Every structure is written in C-alpha cells, then in structure tokens.
C-alpha atoms as a PDB file:
ATOM      1  CA  UNK A   1     -20.515  -9.596   3.916  1.00  0.00           C
ATOM      2  CA  UNK A   2     -17.014  -8.743   5.154  1.00  0.00           C
ATOM      3  CA  UNK A   3     -14.927  -6.563   2.859  1.00  0.00           C
ATOM      4  CA  UNK A   4     -11.835  -8.245   1.462  1.00  0.00           C
ATOM      5  CA  UNK A   5      -8.400  -6.945   2.584  1.00  0.00           C
ATOM      6  CA  UNK A   6      -7.730  -5.187  -0.707  1.00  0.00           C
ATOM      7  CA  UNK A   7      -6.658  -1.585  -1.321  1.00  0.00           C
ATOM      8  CA  UNK A   8      -7.750  -0.574  -4.803  1.00  0.00           C
ATOM      9  CA  UNK A   9      -5.225   1.823  -6.332  1.00  0.00           C
ATOM     10  CA  UNK A  10      -7.238   4.724  -7.761  1.00  0.00           C
ATOM     11  CA  UNK A  11      -4.699   5.820 -10.371  1.00  0.00           C
ATOM     12  CA  UNK A  12      -7.337   7.739 -12.284  1.00  0.00           C
ATOM     13  CA  UNK A  13      -6.970  10.507 -14.892  1.00  0.00           C
ATOM     14  CA  UNK A  14      -9.394  12.780 -13.031  1.00  0.00           C
ATOM     15  CA  UNK A  15     -11.281  13.176  -9.777  1.00  0.00           C
ATOM     16  CA  UNK A  16     -14.628  12.089 -11.195  1.00  0.00           C
ATOM     17  CA  UNK A  17     -13.217   8.789 -12.434  1.00  0.00           C
ATOM     18  CA  UNK A  18     -11.503   8.141  -9.113  1.00  0.00           C
ATOM     19  CA  UNK A  19     -14.749   8.769  -7.222  1.00  0.00           C
ATOM     20  CA  UNK A  20     -16.673   6.512  -9.607  1.00  0.00           C
ATOM     21  CA  UNK A  21     -14.160   3.679  -9.217  1.00  0.00           C
ATOM     22  CA  UNK A  22     -14.218   4.086  -5.433  1.00  0.00           C
ATOM     23  CA  UNK A  23     -18.011   3.881  -5.325  1.00  0.00           C
ATOM     24  CA  UNK A  24     -17.972   0.771  -7.526  1.00  0.00           C
ATOM     25  CA  UNK A  25     -15.421  -1.184  -5.487  1.00  0.00           C
ATOM     26  CA  UNK A  26     -16.304  -0.086  -1.943  1.00  0.00           C
ATOM     27  CA  UNK A  27     -18.972  -2.786  -1.399  1.00  0.00           C
ATOM     28  CA  UNK A  28     -16.286  -5.432  -1.907  1.00  0.00           C
ATOM     29  CA  UNK A  29     -12.977  -4.101  -0.549  1.00  0.00           C
ATOM     30  CA  UNK A  30     -11.817  -2.540   2.705  1.00  0.00           C
ATOM     31  CA  UNK A  31      -9.644   0.267   1.360  1.00  0.00           C
ATOM     32  CA  UNK A  32      -9.023   2.638  -1.542  1.00  0.00           C
ATOM     33  CA  UNK A  33      -5.567   4.040  -2.260  1.00  0.00           C
ATOM     34  CA  UNK A  34      -4.822   7.598  -3.373  1.00  0.00           C
ATOM     35  CA  UNK A  35      -1.395   8.027  -4.947  1.00  0.00           C
ATOM     36  CA  UNK A  36       0.933  10.941  -5.432  1.00  0.00           C
ATOM     37  CA  UNK A  37      -0.295  11.994  -8.884  1.00  0.00           C
ATOM     38  CA  UNK A  38      -3.966  12.229  -7.920  1.00  0.00           C
ATOM     39  CA  UNK A  39      -3.182  13.984  -4.641  1.00  0.00           C
ATOM     40  CA  UNK A  40      -0.935  16.556  -6.298  1.00  0.00           C
ATOM     41  CA  UNK A  41      -3.533  17.277  -8.965  1.00  0.00           C
ATOM     42  CA  UNK A  42      -6.557  17.720  -6.674  1.00  0.00           C
ATOM     43  CA  UNK A  43      -5.172  18.152  -3.175  1.00  0.00           C
ATOM     44  CA  UNK A  44      -7.082  17.303  -0.001  1.00  0.00           C
ATOM     45  CA  UNK A  45     -10.439  17.336  -1.819  1.00  0.00           C
ATOM     46  CA  UNK A  46      -9.610  13.959  -3.320  1.00  0.00           C
ATOM     47  CA  UNK A  47      -9.815  12.275   0.082  1.00  0.00           C
ATOM     48  CA  UNK A  48     -13.397  13.357   0.716  1.00  0.00           C
ATOM     49  CA  UNK A  49     -14.388  12.510  -2.855  1.00  0.00           C
ATOM     50  CA  UNK A  50     -13.175   8.913  -2.763  1.00  0.00           C
ATOM     51  CA  UNK A  51     -14.252   8.323   0.837  1.00  0.00           C
ATOM     52  CA  UNK A  52     -17.810   9.326  -0.045  1.00  0.00           C
ATOM     53  CA  UNK A  53     -20.544   8.440   2.399  1.00  0.00           C
ATOM     54  CA  UNK A  54     -19.326   4.885   2.953  1.00  0.00           C
ATOM     55  CA  UNK A  55     -16.462   5.612   5.318  1.00  0.00           C
ATOM     56  CA  UNK A  56     -14.157   3.284   3.386  1.00  0.00           C
ATOM     57  CA  UNK A  57     -10.562   3.400   4.621  1.00  0.00           C
ATOM     58  CA  UNK A  58      -8.321   5.727   2.624  1.00  0.00           C
ATOM     59  CA  UNK A  59      -4.698   4.780   2.082  1.00  0.00           C
ATOM     60  CA  UNK A  60      -2.702   7.926   1.249  1.00  0.00           C
ATOM     61  CA  UNK A  61       0.342   6.712  -0.656  1.00  0.00           C
ATOM     62  CA  UNK A  62       2.655   9.734  -0.750  1.00  0.00           C
ATOM     63  CA  UNK A  63       5.906   7.871   0.071  1.00  0.00           C
ATOM     64  CA  UNK A  64       7.329  10.781   2.033  1.00  0.00           C
ATOM     65  CA  UNK A  65      11.140  10.872   1.966  1.00  0.00           C
ATOM     66  CA  UNK A  66      12.926  14.013   3.167  1.00  0.00           C
ATOM     67  CA  UNK A  67      14.715  15.403   6.196  1.00  0.00           C
ATOM     68  CA  UNK A  68      12.870  14.645   9.457  1.00  0.00           C
ATOM     69  CA  UNK A  69      11.622  18.196  10.000  1.00  0.00           C
ATOM     70  CA  UNK A  70      10.059  18.349   6.522  1.00  0.00           C
ATOM     71  CA  UNK A  71       8.424  14.933   6.899  1.00  0.00           C
ATOM     72  CA  UNK A  72       7.103  15.961  10.318  1.00  0.00           C
ATOM     73  CA  UNK A  73       5.420  18.994   8.769  1.00  0.00           C
ATOM     74  CA  UNK A  74       4.039  17.018   5.835  1.00  0.00           C
ATOM     75  CA  UNK A  75       2.648  14.301   8.099  1.00  0.00           C
ATOM     76  CA  UNK A  76       1.060  16.920  10.332  1.00  0.00           C
ATOM     77  CA  UNK A  77      -0.518  18.600   7.298  1.00  0.00           C
ATOM     78  CA  UNK A  78      -2.192  15.446   5.989  1.00  0.00           C
ATOM     79  CA  UNK A  79      -3.080  14.041   9.427  1.00  0.00           C
ATOM     80  CA  UNK A  80      -6.109  16.335   9.597  1.00  0.00           C
ATOM     81  CA  UNK A  81      -7.563  14.412   6.625  1.00  0.00           C
ATOM     82  CA  UNK A  82      -7.558  11.265   8.797  1.00  0.00           C
ATOM     83  CA  UNK A  83      -6.206   8.788   6.244  1.00  0.00           C
ATOM     84  CA  UNK A  84      -6.113   5.266   7.641  1.00  0.00           C
ATOM     85  CA  UNK A  85      -2.612   4.721   6.235  1.00  0.00           C
ATOM     86  CA  UNK A  86       0.177   7.063   5.132  1.00  0.00           C
ATOM     87  CA  UNK A  87       3.383   5.858   3.468  1.00  0.00           C
ATOM     88  CA  UNK A  88       6.948   7.000   4.022  1.00  0.00           C
ATOM     89  CA  UNK A  89      10.160   5.534   2.607  1.00  0.00           C
ATOM     90  CA  UNK A  90      11.960   3.235   5.050  1.00  0.00           C
ATOM     91  CA  UNK A  91      15.239   4.410   3.509  1.00  0.00           C
ATOM     92  CA  UNK A  92      14.612   7.820   5.102  1.00  0.00           C
ATOM     93  CA  UNK A  93      15.888   6.363   8.354  1.00  0.00           C
ATOM     94  CA  UNK A  94      14.902   6.059  11.986  1.00  0.00           C
ATOM     95  CA  UNK A  95      14.509   9.751  12.849  1.00  0.00           C
ATOM     96  CA  UNK A  96      12.453  10.533   9.753  1.00  0.00           C
ATOM     97  CA  UNK A  97      10.058   7.630  10.312  1.00  0.00           C
ATOM     98  CA  UNK A  98       9.672   8.540  13.976  1.00  0.00           C
ATOM     99  CA  UNK A  99       8.834  12.125  12.964  1.00  0.00           C
ATOM    100  CA  UNK A 100       6.003  10.885  10.750  1.00  0.00           C
ATOM    101  CA  UNK A 101       4.649   8.599  13.473  1.00  0.00           C
ATOM    102  CA  UNK A 102       4.661  11.370  16.080  1.00  0.00           C
ATOM    103  CA  UNK A 103       2.984  13.915  13.820  1.00  0.00           C
ATOM    104  CA  UNK A 104       0.188  11.701  12.493  1.00  0.00           C
ATOM    105  CA  UNK A 105      -0.927   9.937  15.681  1.00  0.00           C
ATOM    106  CA  UNK A 106      -4.293   8.764  14.336  1.00  0.00           C
ATOM    107  CA  UNK A 107      -2.866   7.377  11.085  1.00  0.00           C
ATOM    108  CA  UNK A 108      -0.997   4.133  10.567  1.00  0.00           C
ATOM    109  CA  UNK A 109       2.462   4.960   9.197  1.00  0.00           C
ATOM    110  CA  UNK A 110       3.564   2.393   6.614  1.00  0.00           C
ATOM    111  CA  UNK A 111       7.236   2.259   5.675  1.00  0.00           C
ATOM    112  CA  UNK A 112       7.980   1.326   2.064  1.00  0.00           C
ATOM    113  CA  UNK A 113      10.954  -1.041   1.926  1.00  0.00           C
ATOM    114  CA  UNK A 114      11.929  -1.585  -1.728  1.00  0.00           C
ATOM    115  CA  UNK A 115       9.663  -0.550  -4.591  1.00  0.00           C
ATOM    116  CA  UNK A 116       8.049  -3.534  -6.306  1.00  0.00           C
ATOM    117  CA  UNK A 117       9.015  -2.093  -9.697  1.00  0.00           C
ATOM    118  CA  UNK A 118      12.696  -2.748  -8.880  1.00  0.00           C
ATOM    119  CA  UNK A 119      14.253  -6.038  -9.908  1.00  0.00           C
ATOM    120  CA  UNK A 120      17.297  -7.592  -8.240  1.00  0.00           C
ATOM    121  CA  UNK A 121      19.464  -6.067 -10.991  1.00  0.00           C
ATOM    122  CA  UNK A 122      17.900  -2.624 -10.463  1.00  0.00           C
ATOM    123  CA  UNK A 123      18.594  -2.794  -6.733  1.00  0.00           C
ATOM    124  CA  UNK A 124      22.196  -3.775  -7.343  1.00  0.00           C
ATOM    125  CA  UNK A 125      22.686  -0.838  -9.721  1.00  0.00           C
ATOM    126  CA  UNK A 126      21.600   1.629  -7.046  1.00  0.00           C
ATOM    127  CA  UNK A 127      23.950   0.125  -4.501  1.00  0.00           C
ATOM    128  CA  UNK A 128      21.711  -2.346  -2.677  1.00  0.00           C
ATOM    129  CA  UNK A 129      23.905  -5.429  -2.458  1.00  0.00           C
ATOM    130  CA  UNK A 130      22.782  -8.989  -1.903  1.00  0.00           C
ATOM    131  CA  UNK A 131      19.334 -10.545  -2.371  1.00  0.00           C
ATOM    132  CA  UNK A 132      16.377  -8.166  -2.306  1.00  0.00           C
ATOM    133  CA  UNK A 133      14.902 -10.097   0.600  1.00  0.00           C
ATOM    134  CA  UNK A 134      17.915  -9.252   2.793  1.00  0.00           C
ATOM    135  CA  UNK A 135      17.666  -5.518   2.048  1.00  0.00           C
ATOM    136  CA  UNK A 136      13.918  -5.543   2.642  1.00  0.00           C
ATOM    137  CA  UNK A 137      14.308  -7.310   5.985  1.00  0.00           C
ATOM    138  CA  UNK A 138      16.961  -4.839   7.136  1.00  0.00           C
ATOM    139  CA  UNK A 139      14.773  -1.871   6.209  1.00  0.00           C
ATOM    140  CA  UNK A 140      11.737  -3.494   7.831  1.00  0.00           C
ATOM    141  CA  UNK A 141      13.469  -3.997  11.167  1.00  0.00           C
ATOM    142  CA  UNK A 142      14.770  -0.417  11.163  1.00  0.00           C
ATOM    143  CA  UNK A 143      11.322   0.999  10.349  1.00  0.00           C
ATOM    144  CA  UNK A 144       9.531  -1.001  13.025  1.00  0.00           C
ATOM    145  CA  UNK A 145      12.165   0.097  15.533  1.00  0.00           C
ATOM    146  CA  UNK A 146      11.303   3.706  14.648  1.00  0.00           C
ATOM    147  CA  UNK A 147       7.609   3.144  15.332  1.00  0.00           C
ATOM    148  CA  UNK A 148       6.165   2.239  11.910  1.00  0.00           C
ATOM    149  CA  UNK A 149       2.954   0.258  12.370  1.00  0.00           C
ATOM    150  CA  UNK A 150       2.949  -1.168   8.838  1.00  0.00           C
ATOM    151  CA  UNK A 151       5.414  -2.171   6.148  1.00  0.00           C
ATOM    152  CA  UNK A 152       5.132  -2.225   2.383  1.00  0.00           C
ATOM    153  CA  UNK A 153       7.012  -5.026   0.648  1.00  0.00           C
ATOM    154  CA  UNK A 154       6.597  -7.179  -2.432  1.00  0.00           C
ATOM    155  CA  UNK A 155       4.789 -10.527  -2.174  1.00  0.00           C
ATOM    156  CA  UNK A 156       8.134 -12.227  -2.780  1.00  0.00           C
ATOM    157  CA  UNK A 157       9.476 -10.943   0.572  1.00  0.00           C
ATOM    158  CA  UNK A 158       6.344 -10.984   2.713  1.00  0.00           C
ATOM    159  CA  UNK A 159       6.982 -14.365   4.356  1.00  0.00           C
ATOM    160  CA  UNK A 160      10.542 -13.397   5.329  1.00  0.00           C
ATOM    161  CA  UNK A 161       9.393 -10.019   6.665  1.00  0.00           C
ATOM    162  CA  UNK A 162       6.579 -11.622   8.676  1.00  0.00           C
ATOM    163  CA  UNK A 163       9.082 -14.009  10.251  1.00  0.00           C
ATOM    164  CA  UNK A 164      11.324 -11.035  11.092  1.00  0.00           C
ATOM    165  CA  UNK A 165       8.782  -8.606  12.593  1.00  0.00           C
ATOM    166  CA  UNK A 166       6.141 -10.945  14.032  1.00  0.00           C
ATOM    167  CA  UNK A 167       2.336 -10.781  13.891  1.00  0.00           C
ATOM    168  CA  UNK A 168       1.678  -7.278  15.219  1.00  0.00           C
ATOM    169  CA  UNK A 169       2.788  -5.297  12.145  1.00  0.00           C
ATOM    170  CA  UNK A 170       0.511  -4.827   9.137  1.00  0.00           C
ATOM    171  CA  UNK A 171       2.135  -6.064   5.930  1.00  0.00           C
ATOM    172  CA  UNK A 172       0.952  -4.370   2.742  1.00  0.00           C
ATOM    173  CA  UNK A 173       1.843  -5.906  -0.597  1.00  0.00           C
ATOM    174  CA  UNK A 174       1.733  -4.144  -3.956  1.00  0.00           C
ATOM    175  CA  UNK A 175       2.743  -6.144  -7.015  1.00  0.00           C
ATOM    176  CA  UNK A 176      -0.320  -8.368  -6.650  1.00  0.00           C
ATOM    177  CA  UNK A 177      -1.676  -9.719  -9.906  1.00  0.00           C
ATOM    178  CA  UNK A 178      -4.460 -12.288 -10.378  1.00  0.00           C
ATOM    179  CA  UNK A 179      -3.331 -15.357 -12.305  1.00  0.00           C
ATOM    180  CA  UNK A 180      -3.059 -14.573 -16.015  1.00  0.00           C
ATOM    181  CA  UNK A 181      -2.803 -10.795 -15.568  1.00  0.00           C
ATOM    182  CA  UNK A 182      -0.125  -8.677 -17.227  1.00  0.00           C
ATOM    183  CA  UNK A 183       2.608  -7.761 -14.701  1.00  0.00           C
ATOM    184  CA  UNK A 184       2.929  -4.306 -16.387  1.00  0.00           C
ATOM    185  CA  UNK A 185       5.579  -2.234 -14.527  1.00  0.00           C
ATOM    186  CA  UNK A 186       5.825  -4.571 -11.560  1.00  0.00           C
ATOM    187  CA  UNK A 187       8.900  -6.796 -11.274  1.00  0.00           C
ATOM    188  CA  UNK A 188       8.328  -8.820  -8.066  1.00  0.00           C
ATOM    189  CA  UNK A 189       4.752 -10.123  -8.165  1.00  0.00           C
ATOM    190  CA  UNK A 190       2.438 -12.866  -6.856  1.00  0.00           C
ATOM    191  CA  UNK A 191      -1.239 -13.804  -6.996  1.00  0.00           C
ATOM    192  CA  UNK A 192      -3.595 -12.510  -4.278  1.00  0.00           C
ATOM    193  CA  UNK A 193      -4.040 -16.020  -2.890  1.00  0.00           C
ATOM    194  CA  UNK A 194      -0.287 -16.585  -2.597  1.00  0.00           C
ATOM    195  CA  UNK A 195       0.342 -13.176  -1.006  1.00  0.00           C
ATOM    196  CA  UNK A 196      -2.253 -13.846   1.714  1.00  0.00           C
ATOM    197  CA  UNK A 197      -0.970 -17.378   2.305  1.00  0.00           C
ATOM    198  CA  UNK A 198       2.510 -15.935   2.857  1.00  0.00           C
ATOM    199  CA  UNK A 199       1.297 -13.493   5.512  1.00  0.00           C
ATOM    200  CA  UNK A 200       0.108 -10.292   3.793  1.00  0.00           C
ATOM    201  CA  UNK A 201      -2.618  -8.295   5.568  1.00  0.00           C
ATOM    202  CA  UNK A 202      -3.575  -5.846   2.805  1.00  0.00           C
ATOM    203  CA  UNK A 203      -3.150  -6.326  -0.946  1.00  0.00           C
ATOM    204  CA  UNK A 204      -2.742  -3.363  -3.282  1.00  0.00           C
ATOM    205  CA  UNK A 205      -4.424  -4.069  -6.621  1.00  0.00           C
ATOM    206  CA  UNK A 206      -4.910  -1.435  -9.298  1.00  0.00           C
ATOM    207  CA  UNK A 207      -5.224  -2.024 -13.012  1.00  0.00           C
ATOM    208  CA  UNK A 208      -6.609  -5.586 -12.846  1.00  0.00           C
ATOM    209  CA  UNK A 209      -9.630  -3.918 -11.205  1.00  0.00           C
ATOM    210  CA  UNK A 210      -9.723  -0.333 -12.478  1.00  0.00           C
ATOM    211  CA  UNK A 211      -8.718  -1.329 -16.008  1.00  0.00           C
ATOM    212  CA  UNK A 212     -11.608  -3.791 -16.282  1.00  0.00           C
ATOM    213  CA  UNK A 213     -14.754  -2.954 -18.239  1.00  0.00           C
ATOM    214  CA  UNK A 214     -16.681  -3.215 -14.952  1.00  0.00           C
ATOM    215  CA  UNK A 215     -14.394  -2.358 -11.996  1.00  0.00           C
ATOM    216  CA  UNK A 216     -17.073  -3.287  -9.465  1.00  0.00           C
ATOM    217  CA  UNK A 217     -17.496  -6.762 -10.930  1.00  0.00           C
ATOM    218  CA  UNK A 218     -13.716  -7.234 -11.137  1.00  0.00           C
ATOM    219  CA  UNK A 219     -13.347  -6.232  -7.480  1.00  0.00           C
ATOM    220  CA  UNK A 220     -16.173  -8.579  -6.469  1.00  0.00           C
ATOM    221  CA  UNK A 221     -14.563 -11.484  -8.332  1.00  0.00           C
ATOM    222  CA  UNK A 222     -11.104 -11.015  -6.791  1.00  0.00           C
ATOM    223  CA  UNK A 223     -12.560 -10.303  -3.334  1.00  0.00           C
ATOM    224  CA  UNK A 224     -14.678 -13.429  -3.492  1.00  0.00           C
ATOM    225  CA  UNK A 225     -11.704 -15.615  -4.383  1.00  0.00           C
ATOM    226  CA  UNK A 226      -9.704 -14.063  -1.559  1.00  0.00           C
ATOM    227  CA  UNK A 227     -12.451 -14.581   1.019  1.00  0.00           C
ATOM    228  CA  UNK A 228     -12.623 -18.246   0.059  1.00  0.00           C
ATOM    229  CA  UNK A 229      -8.894 -18.598   0.756  1.00  0.00           C
ATOM    230  CA  UNK A 230      -9.166 -16.774   4.078  1.00  0.00           C
ATOM    231  CA  UNK A 231     -12.108 -18.913   5.243  1.00  0.00           C
ATOM    232  CA  UNK A 232     -10.517 -22.211   4.191  1.00  0.00           C
END
C-alpha cells in the first residue's frame, strides 16, 4: 500500500510521545515533521528517534530566517542529519535561500511564503499590501529563482502558486483540516481533498491526527480518503 502524501506534525510534549506518534502513523503516511520546539528541546537526537527503523521521510521545519552566512552555517549543520525537507523563510531573500540550497545539497529546501496562521488583516498590519495570494506568488517566484525546490503556502493559494511556478516544484500545504475539524490557530485552511485537487503535493496535518485517541487510526482514515481522491 502506497503511503499517502501527508506530513504528520509531531508537535509532542516529549521525545517519547513524538516517537510513539511517528511509529503509529508511519504505515500510512510518507513523512513526519519535526518543528522548532521539539528540535530545540532534544536536538539532533529527535531525528533518529522519529525516523526509527522505517526510513520514513523527516521534514525538519526550522523556518530559518537570518543573514545568508548564518543560514548557510545552520543548513550545513543540519544537513548531516539528512532530513528530506528543510524550511527557510522566503522573506529572507534570494541570497539567503541560495545559501541554504548550496549548504544542504541532499535536502530539499522549502521556502515558507506566508504563515497560514496569518489572516489578510494580519498581513496588512505587518505591511504586506494587497491580497495574500499576490504576496505569496511574489515570494514563491523569488524563492524558486534562488533555487528552492519546494514552497510552503496555504491551501487557499496553492492553485495560484502552481500556475505560477509550474509542475516541477513541490508544494507543501499546512492549514489542512478534515471536514468538521476545529481550525485552531490556522486562518487560511482547506480540507485534504480540496488541497490535493488544487495542486498540493504534501499536506501537513497535526492535531487532527496526533490529538486523536488513536493517532494511527486517524492517520489511516485520512490517508485512505486521500488515496481515493488521488486514484479517482
């Protein structure tokens, strides 16, 4: 059975819980995501713990955003862990993104466009004028021009970004919530089925899976629904 294109966000309170969640969902999904909090608490050991013996892809979501020299050093430091994906902020600019790409040659660098927790009003308050989709498309084009092999955008913008960058760039969409789920701290959301229909390649799903009484069963249910859409 093919794993579904889902990255389960392992936003766990401790390493043991993260490893347990990873083991439960790995039969059903392609990827597990390690965020900043878990990585800062446990360091590189967390990668081996969640990867386990299965070889599941690890998405290291650090959202690097600093001067190019610092990002180059950070990317080089984590590259030895061989994460499948590493995030940087697209707003860091061309030279910064290029530095990450050059210093983590075996990792797919994913540029984060606009955080899915930000609404249109939030973006306007921080100086991003016009519709969110326009800002996201501008950042996406800049990041791809700098060598980013993947982009992170909300499901609301994925169709526009796909039209802008073409088929060769991986599009990763957080803010994915199964129908009926609480949106929690996400502002620009869609269902897994809609996100895939619009052109997403990898869906980031956290609490709808890890917050369930049985994370493995929740992952299997969402993965099964997604596979049916993809095979239709």
